[in-house]
Protein backbone atom coordinates (compact mmCIF):
# COMPACT_ATOMS: atom_id res chain seq x y z
CA MET A 1 -38.90 -270.55 31.96
CA LEU A 2 -35.39 -269.17 32.22
CA THR A 3 -34.69 -266.67 34.94
CA ARG A 4 -33.12 -263.28 34.33
CA SER A 5 -29.81 -264.38 35.86
CA ALA A 6 -29.73 -267.49 33.65
CA LEU A 7 -30.36 -265.39 30.54
CA ILE A 8 -27.62 -262.94 31.53
CA TYR A 9 -25.24 -265.84 32.13
CA LEU A 10 -26.03 -267.29 28.70
CA SER A 11 -25.64 -263.90 27.02
CA ARG A 12 -22.08 -263.66 28.33
CA GLN A 13 -21.02 -267.01 26.87
CA GLU A 14 -19.08 -266.07 23.73
CA GLY A 15 -18.63 -269.72 22.74
CA LEU A 16 -22.39 -270.26 22.77
CA LYS A 17 -22.93 -267.13 20.69
CA ASP A 18 -20.23 -268.19 18.22
CA PHE A 19 -21.85 -271.64 17.93
CA ALA A 20 -25.38 -270.30 17.47
CA THR A 21 -24.46 -267.66 14.90
CA ARG A 22 -23.10 -270.36 12.56
CA PHE A 23 -26.69 -271.35 11.80
CA SER A 24 -28.52 -269.28 9.21
CA LEU A 25 -31.90 -269.82 10.92
CA PHE A 26 -30.55 -268.30 14.15
CA ARG A 27 -29.07 -265.33 12.27
CA LYS A 28 -32.31 -264.87 10.36
CA LEU A 29 -34.33 -264.80 13.59
CA THR A 30 -32.04 -262.42 15.45
CA THR A 31 -31.19 -259.90 12.74
CA ARG A 32 -34.77 -258.66 12.78
CA PHE A 33 -34.19 -257.47 16.34
CA ILE A 34 -30.41 -257.05 16.58
CA ALA A 35 -28.95 -254.68 14.00
CA GLY A 36 -25.32 -255.56 14.66
CA GLU A 37 -22.53 -256.29 17.06
CA ASN A 38 -21.28 -252.68 17.02
CA ILE A 39 -22.40 -249.16 16.16
CA ASP A 40 -21.04 -249.31 12.60
CA GLU A 41 -23.12 -252.42 11.85
CA ALA A 42 -26.18 -250.78 13.42
CA VAL A 43 -25.74 -247.63 11.33
CA ALA A 44 -25.41 -249.75 8.17
CA ALA A 45 -28.57 -251.69 9.06
CA ILE A 46 -30.52 -248.48 9.71
CA LYS A 47 -29.25 -247.04 6.43
CA ALA A 48 -30.54 -250.13 4.59
CA ILE A 49 -33.92 -249.83 6.33
CA ASN A 50 -34.09 -246.13 5.41
CA ALA A 51 -33.28 -246.97 1.77
CA ARG A 52 -36.49 -249.05 1.72
CA GLY A 53 -38.43 -245.97 2.86
CA CYS A 54 -38.81 -247.04 6.48
CA THR A 55 -37.64 -245.40 9.68
CA ALA A 56 -35.85 -247.15 12.53
CA THR A 57 -34.86 -246.58 16.13
CA PHE A 58 -31.59 -247.43 17.80
CA ASP A 59 -31.34 -248.92 21.29
CA HIS A 60 -28.19 -249.92 23.11
CA LEU A 61 -28.94 -252.14 26.08
CA ASN A 62 -26.79 -253.60 28.82
CA GLU A 63 -28.92 -254.62 31.72
CA SER A 64 -26.24 -256.60 33.49
CA VAL A 65 -23.93 -253.78 34.60
CA THR A 66 -22.87 -254.54 38.16
CA SER A 67 -19.87 -252.36 38.98
CA PRO A 68 -18.79 -248.73 38.77
CA ALA A 69 -16.18 -249.65 36.13
CA GLU A 70 -18.83 -251.34 33.95
CA THR A 71 -21.08 -248.32 34.42
CA GLU A 72 -18.33 -245.96 33.27
CA ALA A 73 -17.66 -248.17 30.24
CA GLU A 74 -21.37 -248.13 29.35
CA VAL A 75 -21.50 -244.33 29.66
CA ARG A 76 -18.58 -244.10 27.23
CA GLU A 77 -20.35 -246.53 24.87
CA TYR A 78 -23.55 -244.45 24.99
CA GLN A 79 -21.54 -241.32 24.23
CA THR A 80 -19.90 -243.05 21.25
CA CYS A 81 -23.29 -244.23 19.99
CA SER A 82 -24.71 -240.73 20.37
CA ARG A 83 -21.82 -239.11 18.48
CA THR A 84 -21.93 -241.72 15.72
CA SER A 85 -25.68 -241.50 15.18
CA THR A 86 -25.56 -237.68 15.28
CA ARG A 87 -22.77 -237.69 12.70
CA ALA A 88 -24.72 -240.16 10.53
CA ALA A 89 -27.86 -238.02 10.78
CA SER A 90 -25.96 -234.88 9.87
CA THR A 91 -24.68 -236.57 6.71
CA GLN A 92 -28.24 -237.65 5.95
CA MET A 93 -27.42 -241.30 6.49
CA PHE A 94 -30.62 -241.63 8.49
CA GLN A 95 -34.00 -240.71 7.10
CA SER A 96 -35.72 -238.01 9.13
CA SER A 97 -39.09 -238.95 10.61
């Protein structure tokens, strides 16, 4: 079984991600759990789910933050995600639960 540090190391390897995402099976497996690479892709995925009459949640994770600078960057990212999802909800892009 892979350790947490090994998984974090692998998650930071852009070349590995680029290689894996070329395969439709990999994309098919991950898109069920990963809505997108950025907030705009996540909002579009949630909108598509809502159009099918289902609700969705949004989670932004980064468990490998190790420095004050990374922490500050994550806080800014959370704020951006919050503003974007609030704006989408106010324009009825998201279905209310």
